[in-house]
């Protein structure tokens, strides 16, 4: 799809039923959601996209101008085409962008699901210095390695999330795509650190929210997502047993069930409210 300028934004949809807009993380495209969509067997109308610099979505950020608001505009454009309100689901950096959408335009959403968003600033704001330092040490080393010409600098970031050996275990094509999109991922990190999340800001979210993270994920993103869920009024927090960060690929059945249950709860609550009017 075209947003009215020369920019392109990935847009695909399949199935029928309540509309679920699914936002992937960094170094990924809408195709990452196929394992989840397959679990639902056309239960939902699933709309997928890609963030800036991935898939067919144009990149118009620069290192100096990168801001999460630019990503929010992509998702808002997709929701506009899909027809709102929608159930918004985001994984990793896509989860952080989805959170920003909920803060900026909550009227676009029926519900929000965040699957282990990289939210280092909530750690800093809540005094979780050790966990915040873990993020900063990883990203600083990653940037330095890339600037020094290390072509696979992104491997250390992937292993931070998935555990040692995760990047090496990926299929060659997946590794190559991650390497090819490193520059975009570095801007994603700039956006994440620039997104000043506070408990007071999160307390403004009014839509039903589910926050999930992996049992085997790094402790820093685990704690960050726990704080997100605790800071959002009525937020639900779920730990996915046996999963690490790349849960939508490794634990598709469990993730699909969690998201579907969250959507069903939201729809049921909406029906009860409508009947009471």
C-alpha atoms as a PDB file:
ATOM      1  CA  UNK A   1       0.000   0.000   0.000  1.00  0.00           C
ATOM      2  CA  UNK A   2       0.993   3.645  -0.427  1.00  0.00           C
ATOM      3  CA  UNK A   3       0.526   6.196   2.349  1.00  0.00           C
ATOM      4  CA  UNK A   4      -0.134   9.037  -0.065  1.00  0.00           C
ATOM      5  CA  UNK A   5       3.500  10.002  -0.549  1.00  0.00           C
ATOM      6  CA  UNK A   6       6.221   8.018  -2.269  1.00  0.00           C
ATOM      7  CA  UNK A   7       6.478   5.740   0.766  1.00  0.00           C
ATOM      8  CA  UNK A   8       5.355   2.126   0.695  1.00  0.00           C
ATOM      9  CA  UNK A   9       3.907   0.186   3.624  1.00  0.00           C
ATOM     10  CA  UNK A  10       3.448  -3.583   3.701  1.00  0.00           C
ATOM     11  CA  UNK A  11      -0.173  -4.631   4.024  1.00  0.00           C
ATOM     12  CA  UNK A  12      -1.556  -8.155   3.858  1.00  0.00           C
ATOM     13  CA  UNK A  13      -4.719  -9.671   5.241  1.00  0.00           C
ATOM     14  CA  UNK A  14      -6.239 -13.115   5.488  1.00  0.00           C
ATOM     15  CA  UNK A  15      -9.262 -14.664   7.156  1.00  0.00           C
ATOM     16  CA  UNK A  16     -12.479 -13.212   8.519  1.00  0.00           C
ATOM     17  CA  UNK A  17     -13.861 -12.250  11.886  1.00  0.00           C
ATOM     18  CA  UNK A  18     -12.632  -9.658  14.409  1.00  0.00           C
ATOM     19  CA  UNK A  19      -9.735  -7.676  12.946  1.00  0.00           C
ATOM     20  CA  UNK A  20      -6.309  -8.295  14.449  1.00  0.00           C
ATOM     21  CA  UNK A  21      -3.438  -6.061  13.292  1.00  0.00           C
ATOM     22  CA  UNK A  22      -0.110  -7.786  13.877  1.00  0.00           C
ATOM     23  CA  UNK A  23       3.151  -5.836  14.069  1.00  0.00           C
ATOM     24  CA  UNK A  24       6.440  -7.766  13.874  1.00  0.00           C
ATOM     25  CA  UNK A  25       9.704  -6.814  15.506  1.00  0.00           C
ATOM     26  CA  UNK A  26      13.027  -5.728  14.090  1.00  0.00           C
ATOM     27  CA  UNK A  27      14.730  -7.659  11.277  1.00  0.00           C
ATOM     28  CA  UNK A  28      11.381  -9.183  10.451  1.00  0.00           C
ATOM     29  CA  UNK A  29       8.342  -8.821   8.216  1.00  0.00           C
ATOM     30  CA  UNK A  30       4.661  -9.626   8.384  1.00  0.00           C
ATOM     31  CA  UNK A  31       5.511 -13.181   7.334  1.00  0.00           C
ATOM     32  CA  UNK A  32       6.767 -13.785  10.880  1.00  0.00           C
ATOM     33  CA  UNK A  33       3.144 -14.064  12.000  1.00  0.00           C
ATOM     34  CA  UNK A  34       2.294 -17.031   9.760  1.00  0.00           C
ATOM     35  CA  UNK A  35       2.795 -19.635  12.512  1.00  0.00           C
ATOM     36  CA  UNK A  36       0.356 -17.743  14.740  1.00  0.00           C
ATOM     37  CA  UNK A  37      -2.191 -17.178  11.988  1.00  0.00           C
ATOM     38  CA  UNK A  38      -2.059 -20.876  11.079  1.00  0.00           C
ATOM     39  CA  UNK A  39      -3.124 -21.747  14.624  1.00  0.00           C
ATOM     40  CA  UNK A  40      -6.293 -19.687  14.311  1.00  0.00           C
ATOM     41  CA  UNK A  41      -7.607 -21.368  11.143  1.00  0.00           C
ATOM     42  CA  UNK A  42      -9.400 -18.243   9.876  1.00  0.00           C
ATOM     43  CA  UNK A  43     -10.904 -17.390  13.267  1.00  0.00           C
ATOM     44  CA  UNK A  44      -9.802 -13.783  12.877  1.00  0.00           C
ATOM     45  CA  UNK A  45      -9.245 -11.315  10.074  1.00  0.00           C
ATOM     46  CA  UNK A  46      -5.473 -11.017  10.352  1.00  0.00           C
ATOM     47  CA  UNK A  47      -3.749  -7.911   8.994  1.00  0.00           C
ATOM     48  CA  UNK A  48       0.054  -7.919   8.900  1.00  0.00           C
ATOM     49  CA  UNK A  49       2.635  -5.292   8.060  1.00  0.00           C
ATOM     50  CA  UNK A  50       6.355  -4.532   8.398  1.00  0.00           C
ATOM     51  CA  UNK A  51       7.990  -1.631  10.201  1.00  0.00           C
ATOM     52  CA  UNK A  52      10.241   0.964   8.602  1.00  0.00           C
ATOM     53  CA  UNK A  53      13.154  -0.516   6.697  1.00  0.00           C
ATOM     54  CA  UNK A  54      11.848  -4.086   6.642  1.00  0.00           C
ATOM     55  CA  UNK A  55      10.015  -6.076   3.990  1.00  0.00           C
ATOM     56  CA  UNK A  56       8.364  -3.742   1.504  1.00  0.00           C
ATOM     57  CA  UNK A  57       7.971  -0.849   3.944  1.00  0.00           C
ATOM     58  CA  UNK A  58      10.073   2.129   2.940  1.00  0.00           C
ATOM     59  CA  UNK A  59      12.746   3.513   5.238  1.00  0.00           C
ATOM     60  CA  UNK A  60      12.725   7.276   5.643  1.00  0.00           C
ATOM     61  CA  UNK A  61      14.429   7.621   9.007  1.00  0.00           C
ATOM     62  CA  UNK A  62      18.002   8.707   9.494  1.00  0.00           C
ATOM     63  CA  UNK A  63      20.232   8.119  12.487  1.00  0.00           C
ATOM     64  CA  UNK A  64      19.699  11.758  13.439  1.00  0.00           C
ATOM     65  CA  UNK A  65      15.904  11.804  13.041  1.00  0.00           C
ATOM     66  CA  UNK A  66      14.761   8.335  14.117  1.00  0.00           C
ATOM     67  CA  UNK A  67      11.780   8.575  16.448  1.00  0.00           C
ATOM     68  CA  UNK A  68       9.138   6.086  17.483  1.00  0.00           C
ATOM     69  CA  UNK A  69       6.435   8.474  16.249  1.00  0.00           C
ATOM     70  CA  UNK A  70       7.492   7.629  12.688  1.00  0.00           C
ATOM     71  CA  UNK A  71       6.777   3.963  13.363  1.00  0.00           C
ATOM     72  CA  UNK A  72       3.470   4.824  14.997  1.00  0.00           C
ATOM     73  CA  UNK A  73       2.403   6.572  11.798  1.00  0.00           C
ATOM     74  CA  UNK A  74       3.041   3.366   9.843  1.00  0.00           C
ATOM     75  CA  UNK A  75       0.810   1.334  12.141  1.00  0.00           C
ATOM     76  CA  UNK A  76      -1.884   4.002  12.214  1.00  0.00           C
ATOM     77  CA  UNK A  77      -1.934   3.984   8.415  1.00  0.00           C
ATOM     78  CA  UNK A  78      -2.364   0.207   8.407  1.00  0.00           C
ATOM     79  CA  UNK A  79      -5.164   0.415  10.978  1.00  0.00           C
ATOM     80  CA  UNK A  80      -6.820   3.119   8.890  1.00  0.00           C
ATOM     81  CA  UNK A  81      -6.927   0.842   5.894  1.00  0.00           C
ATOM     82  CA  UNK A  82      -8.047  -2.158   7.933  1.00  0.00           C
ATOM     83  CA  UNK A  83     -10.864  -0.187   9.557  1.00  0.00           C
ATOM     84  CA  UNK A  84     -10.813   0.517  13.248  1.00  0.00           C
ATOM     85  CA  UNK A  85     -11.068  -0.217  16.087  1.00  0.00           C
ATOM     86  CA  UNK A  86      -8.835  -3.291  15.947  1.00  0.00           C
ATOM     87  CA  UNK A  87      -7.097  -5.721  18.251  1.00  0.00           C
ATOM     88  CA  UNK A  88      -3.425  -4.722  18.035  1.00  0.00           C
ATOM     89  CA  UNK A  89      -0.662  -7.269  18.651  1.00  0.00           C
ATOM     90  CA  UNK A  90       3.042  -6.432  18.625  1.00  0.00           C
ATOM     91  CA  UNK A  91       6.120  -8.572  19.139  1.00  0.00           C
ATOM     92  CA  UNK A  92       9.468  -7.198  20.322  1.00  0.00           C
ATOM     93  CA  UNK A  93      10.050  -3.712  18.853  1.00  0.00           C
ATOM     94  CA  UNK A  94       6.629  -4.060  17.250  1.00  0.00           C
ATOM     95  CA  UNK A  95       5.217  -4.377  20.759  1.00  0.00           C
ATOM     96  CA  UNK A  96       6.847  -1.115  21.780  1.00  0.00           C
ATOM     97  CA  UNK A  97       5.417   0.611  18.701  1.00  0.00           C
ATOM     98  CA  UNK A  98       1.989  -0.871  19.445  1.00  0.00           C
ATOM     99  CA  UNK A  99       2.224   0.529  22.970  1.00  0.00           C
ATOM    100  CA  UNK A 100       2.986   3.962  21.537  1.00  0.00           C
ATOM    101  CA  UNK A 101      -0.102   3.687  19.311  1.00  0.00           C
ATOM    102  CA  UNK A 102      -2.247   2.897  22.350  1.00  0.00           C
ATOM    103  CA  UNK A 103      -0.917   6.001  24.085  1.00  0.00           C
ATOM    104  CA  UNK A 104      -1.407   8.292  21.113  1.00  0.00           C
ATOM    105  CA  UNK A 105      -4.706   7.080  19.661  1.00  0.00           C
ATOM    106  CA  UNK A 106      -6.495   4.659  21.982  1.00  0.00           C
ATOM    107  CA  UNK A 107      -9.719   5.071  20.007  1.00  0.00           C
ATOM    108  CA  UNK A 108      -8.142   2.980  17.246  1.00  0.00           C
ATOM    109  CA  UNK A 109      -7.981  -0.078  19.483  1.00  0.00           C
ATOM    110  CA  UNK A 110     -10.276  -2.667  21.028  1.00  0.00           C
ATOM    111  CA  UNK A 111      -7.348  -4.308  22.810  1.00  0.00           C
ATOM    112  CA  UNK A 112      -3.557  -4.455  22.909  1.00  0.00           C
ATOM    113  CA  UNK A 113      -1.194  -7.407  23.259  1.00  0.00           C
ATOM    114  CA  UNK A 114       2.507  -6.769  23.891  1.00  0.00           C
ATOM    115  CA  UNK A 115       4.839  -9.717  23.403  1.00  0.00           C
ATOM    116  CA  UNK A 116       8.111  -8.896  25.154  1.00  0.00           C
ATOM    117  CA  UNK A 117       8.723  -5.324  24.061  1.00  0.00           C
ATOM    118  CA  UNK A 118      12.209  -3.807  24.401  1.00  0.00           C
ATOM    119  CA  UNK A 119      11.332  -1.136  26.945  1.00  0.00           C
ATOM    120  CA  UNK A 120      14.589  -0.101  28.636  1.00  0.00           C
ATOM    121  CA  UNK A 121      13.328   3.337  29.630  1.00  0.00           C
ATOM    122  CA  UNK A 122      10.717   1.952  32.022  1.00  0.00           C
ATOM    123  CA  UNK A 123      13.609   0.258  33.827  1.00  0.00           C
ATOM    124  CA  UNK A 124      15.508   3.517  34.113  1.00  0.00           C
ATOM    125  CA  UNK A 125      12.441   5.391  35.290  1.00  0.00           C
ATOM    126  CA  UNK A 126      11.684   2.768  37.941  1.00  0.00           C
ATOM    127  CA  UNK A 127      15.225   2.661  39.313  1.00  0.00           C
ATOM    128  CA  UNK A 128      16.028  -0.788  37.944  1.00  0.00           C
ATOM    129  CA  UNK A 129      19.640   0.210  37.342  1.00  0.00           C
ATOM    130  CA  UNK A 130      21.163  -3.255  36.944  1.00  0.00           C
ATOM    131  CA  UNK A 131      18.635  -4.341  34.354  1.00  0.00           C
ATOM    132  CA  UNK A 132      18.885  -1.017  32.530  1.00  0.00           C
ATOM    133  CA  UNK A 133      22.655  -1.383  32.503  1.00  0.00           C
ATOM    134  CA  UNK A 134      22.292  -4.810  30.870  1.00  0.00           C
ATOM    135  CA  UNK A 135      20.435  -3.233  27.966  1.00  0.00           C
ATOM    136  CA  UNK A 136      22.916  -0.393  27.641  1.00  0.00           C
ATOM    137  CA  UNK A 137      25.989  -2.612  27.765  1.00  0.00           C
ATOM    138  CA  UNK A 138      24.570  -4.879  25.094  1.00  0.00           C
ATOM    139  CA  UNK A 139      23.513  -2.075  22.744  1.00  0.00           C
ATOM    140  CA  UNK A 140      26.721  -0.075  23.227  1.00  0.00           C
ATOM    141  CA  UNK A 141      28.881  -3.082  22.383  1.00  0.00           C
ATOM    142  CA  UNK A 142      26.627  -3.823  19.413  1.00  0.00           C
ATOM    143  CA  UNK A 143      26.969  -0.284  18.029  1.00  0.00           C
ATOM    144  CA  UNK A 144      30.739  -0.296  18.545  1.00  0.00           C
ATOM    145  CA  UNK A 145      31.123  -3.620  16.771  1.00  0.00           C
ATOM    146  CA  UNK A 146      29.048  -2.439  13.803  1.00  0.00           C
ATOM    147  CA  UNK A 147      30.966   0.823  13.545  1.00  0.00           C
ATOM    148  CA  UNK A 148      34.216  -1.149  13.629  1.00  0.00           C
ATOM    149  CA  UNK A 149      33.103  -3.044  10.539  1.00  0.00           C
ATOM    150  CA  UNK A 150      31.965  -6.311  12.119  1.00  0.00           C
ATOM    151  CA  UNK A 151      29.419  -7.532   9.594  1.00  0.00           C
ATOM    152  CA  UNK A 152      27.628  -9.849  11.992  1.00  0.00           C
ATOM    153  CA  UNK A 153      27.568  -7.401  14.918  1.00  0.00           C
ATOM    154  CA  UNK A 154      23.853  -8.035  15.255  1.00  0.00           C
ATOM    155  CA  UNK A 155      24.523 -11.610  16.403  1.00  0.00           C
ATOM    156  CA  UNK A 156      25.323 -10.467  19.946  1.00  0.00           C
ATOM    157  CA  UNK A 157      22.021  -8.596  20.161  1.00  0.00           C
ATOM    158  CA  UNK A 158      20.099 -11.630  18.932  1.00  0.00           C
ATOM    159  CA  UNK A 159      21.858 -13.852  21.477  1.00  0.00           C
ATOM    160  CA  UNK A 160      21.105 -11.347  24.249  1.00  0.00           C
ATOM    161  CA  UNK A 161      17.441 -12.009  23.576  1.00  0.00           C
ATOM    162  CA  UNK A 162      17.390 -15.641  22.546  1.00  0.00           C
ATOM    163  CA  UNK A 163      20.328 -16.992  24.527  1.00  0.00           C
ATOM    164  CA  UNK A 164      23.862 -18.001  23.436  1.00  0.00           C
ATOM    165  CA  UNK A 165      23.944 -19.687  20.046  1.00  0.00           C
ATOM    166  CA  UNK A 166      20.551 -18.412  18.891  1.00  0.00           C
ATOM    167  CA  UNK A 167      21.889 -16.468  15.917  1.00  0.00           C
ATOM    168  CA  UNK A 168      24.171 -19.307  14.797  1.00  0.00           C
ATOM    169  CA  UNK A 169      21.219 -21.718  14.894  1.00  0.00           C
ATOM    170  CA  UNK A 170      19.081 -19.611  12.583  1.00  0.00           C
ATOM    171  CA  UNK A 171      18.793 -20.650   8.909  1.00  0.00           C
ATOM    172  CA  UNK A 172      21.349 -18.891   6.670  1.00  0.00           C
ATOM    173  CA  UNK A 173      18.709 -16.797   4.933  1.00  0.00           C
ATOM    174  CA  UNK A 174      17.340 -15.507   8.236  1.00  0.00           C
ATOM    175  CA  UNK A 175      20.844 -14.642   9.446  1.00  0.00           C
ATOM    176  CA  UNK A 176      21.590 -12.871   6.179  1.00  0.00           C
ATOM    177  CA  UNK A 177      18.414 -10.785   6.437  1.00  0.00           C
ATOM    178  CA  UNK A 178      19.246  -9.747   9.990  1.00  0.00           C
ATOM    179  CA  UNK A 179      22.723  -8.685   8.895  1.00  0.00           C
ATOM    180  CA  UNK A 180      21.340  -6.806   5.896  1.00  0.00           C
ATOM    181  CA  UNK A 181      18.904  -4.851   8.081  1.00  0.00           C
ATOM    182  CA  UNK A 182      21.341  -4.012  10.883  1.00  0.00           C
ATOM    183  CA  UNK A 183      21.264  -0.284  10.107  1.00  0.00           C
ATOM    184  CA  UNK A 184      17.478  -0.252  10.494  1.00  0.00           C
ATOM    185  CA  UNK A 185      17.722  -2.190  13.741  1.00  0.00           C
ATOM    186  CA  UNK A 186      20.182   0.312  15.173  1.00  0.00           C
ATOM    187  CA  UNK A 187      17.655   3.064  14.488  1.00  0.00           C
ATOM    188  CA  UNK A 188      15.024   0.924  16.215  1.00  0.00           C
ATOM    189  CA  UNK A 189      17.214   0.934  19.317  1.00  0.00           C
ATOM    190  CA  UNK A 190      17.560   4.696  19.079  1.00  0.00           C
ATOM    191  CA  UNK A 191      13.759   4.922  19.008  1.00  0.00           C
ATOM    192  CA  UNK A 192      13.452   2.611  22.013  1.00  0.00           C
ATOM    193  CA  UNK A 193      15.857   4.655  24.128  1.00  0.00           C
ATOM    194  CA  UNK A 194      14.134   7.833  23.014  1.00  0.00           C
ATOM    195  CA  UNK A 195      10.698   6.603  24.147  1.00  0.00           C
ATOM    196  CA  UNK A 196      10.487   8.021  27.664  1.00  0.00           C
ATOM    197  CA  UNK A 197       8.191   5.539  29.381  1.00  0.00           C
ATOM    198  CA  UNK A 198       7.036   6.315  32.893  1.00  0.00           C
ATOM    199  CA  UNK A 199       4.449   4.671  35.163  1.00  0.00           C
ATOM    200  CA  UNK A 200       2.424   7.902  35.011  1.00  0.00           C
ATOM    201  CA  UNK A 201       2.355   7.786  31.216  1.00  0.00           C
ATOM    202  CA  UNK A 202       1.382   4.120  31.167  1.00  0.00           C
ATOM    203  CA  UNK A 203      -1.402   4.804  33.657  1.00  0.00           C
ATOM    204  CA  UNK A 204      -3.176   6.718  30.877  1.00  0.00           C
ATOM    205  CA  UNK A 205      -3.766   3.589  28.794  1.00  0.00           C
ATOM    206  CA  UNK A 206      -7.465   2.774  28.772  1.00  0.00           C
ATOM    207  CA  UNK A 207      -7.716  -0.297  26.529  1.00  0.00           C
ATOM    208  CA  UNK A 208      -7.469  -3.911  27.773  1.00  0.00           C
ATOM    209  CA  UNK A 209      -3.787  -4.914  27.701  1.00  0.00           C
ATOM    210  CA  UNK A 210      -2.011  -8.261  27.862  1.00  0.00           C
ATOM    211  CA  UNK A 211       1.763  -8.292  28.363  1.00  0.00           C
ATOM    212  CA  UNK A 212       3.592 -11.583  27.841  1.00  0.00           C
ATOM    213  CA  UNK A 213       7.237 -12.553  28.051  1.00  0.00           C
ATOM    214  CA  UNK A 214       9.238 -15.762  27.900  1.00  0.00           C
ATOM    215  CA  UNK A 215      10.194 -17.818  30.930  1.00  0.00           C
ATOM    216  CA  UNK A 216      13.695 -18.253  29.474  1.00  0.00           C
ATOM    217  CA  UNK A 217      14.153 -14.699  28.244  1.00  0.00           C
ATOM    218  CA  UNK A 218      16.912 -12.433  29.517  1.00  0.00           C
ATOM    219  CA  UNK A 219      16.058 -11.032  32.986  1.00  0.00           C
ATOM    220  CA  UNK A 220      16.227  -7.403  31.782  1.00  0.00           C
ATOM    221  CA  UNK A 221      13.396  -7.607  29.216  1.00  0.00           C
ATOM    222  CA  UNK A 222      11.484  -9.860  31.596  1.00  0.00           C
ATOM    223  CA  UNK A 223      11.561  -7.182  34.272  1.00  0.00           C
ATOM    224  CA  UNK A 224      10.805  -4.389  31.806  1.00  0.00           C
ATOM    225  CA  UNK A 225       7.672  -6.160  30.603  1.00  0.00           C
ATOM    226  CA  UNK A 226       6.592  -6.977  34.125  1.00  0.00           C
ATOM    227  CA  UNK A 227       6.794  -3.264  34.928  1.00  0.00           C
ATOM    228  CA  UNK A 228       4.792  -2.415  31.809  1.00  0.00           C
ATOM    229  CA  UNK A 229       2.008  -4.749  32.850  1.00  0.00           C
ATOM    230  CA  UNK A 230       1.989  -3.497  36.427  1.00  0.00           C
ATOM    231  CA  UNK A 231       1.889   0.150  35.376  1.00  0.00           C
ATOM    232  CA  UNK A 232      -1.043  -0.201  32.976  1.00  0.00           C
ATOM    233  CA  UNK A 233      -4.464  -0.106  34.668  1.00  0.00           C
ATOM    234  CA  UNK A 234      -5.960  -3.592  34.533  1.00  0.00           C
ATOM    235  CA  UNK A 235      -2.953  -4.916  32.644  1.00  0.00           C
ATOM    236  CA  UNK A 236      -2.580  -8.688  32.561  1.00  0.00           C
ATOM    237  CA  UNK A 237       0.889 -10.254  32.744  1.00  0.00           C
ATOM    238  CA  UNK A 238       1.640 -13.746  31.459  1.00  0.00           C
ATOM    239  CA  UNK A 239       4.866 -15.746  31.414  1.00  0.00           C
ATOM    240  CA  UNK A 240       5.103 -18.250  28.563  1.00  0.00           C
ATOM    241  CA  UNK A 241       6.671 -21.474  29.910  1.00  0.00           C
ATOM    242  CA  UNK A 242       9.761 -22.703  28.087  1.00  0.00           C
ATOM    243  CA  UNK A 243       9.837 -19.724  25.737  1.00  0.00           C
ATOM    244  CA  UNK A 244      12.459 -17.067  25.127  1.00  0.00           C
ATOM    245  CA  UNK A 245      12.175 -13.854  23.129  1.00  0.00           C
ATOM    246  CA  UNK A 246      11.454 -15.383  19.713  1.00  0.00           C
ATOM    247  CA  UNK A 247       8.274 -16.967  21.012  1.00  0.00           C
ATOM    248  CA  UNK A 248       6.091 -16.332  17.965  1.00  0.00           C
ATOM    249  CA  UNK A 249       8.247 -18.818  16.061  1.00  0.00           C
ATOM    250  CA  UNK A 250       9.114 -21.316  18.802  1.00  0.00           C
ATOM    251  CA  UNK A 251       5.844 -21.292  20.775  1.00  0.00           C
ATOM    252  CA  UNK A 252       3.256 -20.338  18.180  1.00  0.00           C
ATOM    253  CA  UNK A 253       0.484 -22.494  19.651  1.00  0.00           C
ATOM    254  CA  UNK A 254       0.869 -21.035  23.127  1.00  0.00           C
ATOM    255  CA  UNK A 255       1.106 -17.459  21.878  1.00  0.00           C
ATOM    256  CA  UNK A 256      -1.898 -17.872  19.583  1.00  0.00           C
ATOM    257  CA  UNK A 257      -3.973 -19.231  22.453  1.00  0.00           C
ATOM    258  CA  UNK A 258      -3.002 -16.375  24.782  1.00  0.00           C
ATOM    259  CA  UNK A 259      -3.821 -13.708  22.207  1.00  0.00           C
ATOM    260  CA  UNK A 260      -7.127 -15.350  21.263  1.00  0.00           C
ATOM    261  CA  UNK A 261      -8.154 -15.587  24.926  1.00  0.00           C
ATOM    262  CA  UNK A 262      -7.318 -11.920  25.460  1.00  0.00           C
ATOM    263  CA  UNK A 263      -9.375 -10.917  22.435  1.00  0.00           C
ATOM    264  CA  UNK A 264     -12.276 -13.127  23.573  1.00  0.00           C
ATOM    265  CA  UNK A 265     -12.228 -11.532  27.042  1.00  0.00           C
ATOM    266  CA  UNK A 266     -12.289  -8.091  25.465  1.00  0.00           C
ATOM    267  CA  UNK A 267     -15.166  -8.952  23.160  1.00  0.00           C
ATOM    268  CA  UNK A 268     -17.130 -10.546  26.005  1.00  0.00           C
ATOM    269  CA  UNK A 269     -16.649  -7.489  28.228  1.00  0.00           C
ATOM    270  CA  UNK A 270     -17.727  -5.212  25.375  1.00  0.00           C
ATOM    271  CA  UNK A 271     -20.884  -7.256  24.837  1.00  0.00           C
ATOM    272  CA  UNK A 272     -21.767  -7.094  28.521  1.00  0.00           C
ATOM    273  CA  UNK A 273     -21.227  -3.318  28.572  1.00  0.00           C
ATOM    274  CA  UNK A 274     -23.375  -2.879  25.466  1.00  0.00           C
ATOM    275  CA  UNK A 275     -26.178  -4.953  26.950  1.00  0.00           C
ATOM    276  CA  UNK A 276     -26.109  -2.909  30.148  1.00  0.00           C
ATOM    277  CA  UNK A 277     -26.623   0.386  28.340  1.00  0.00           C
END
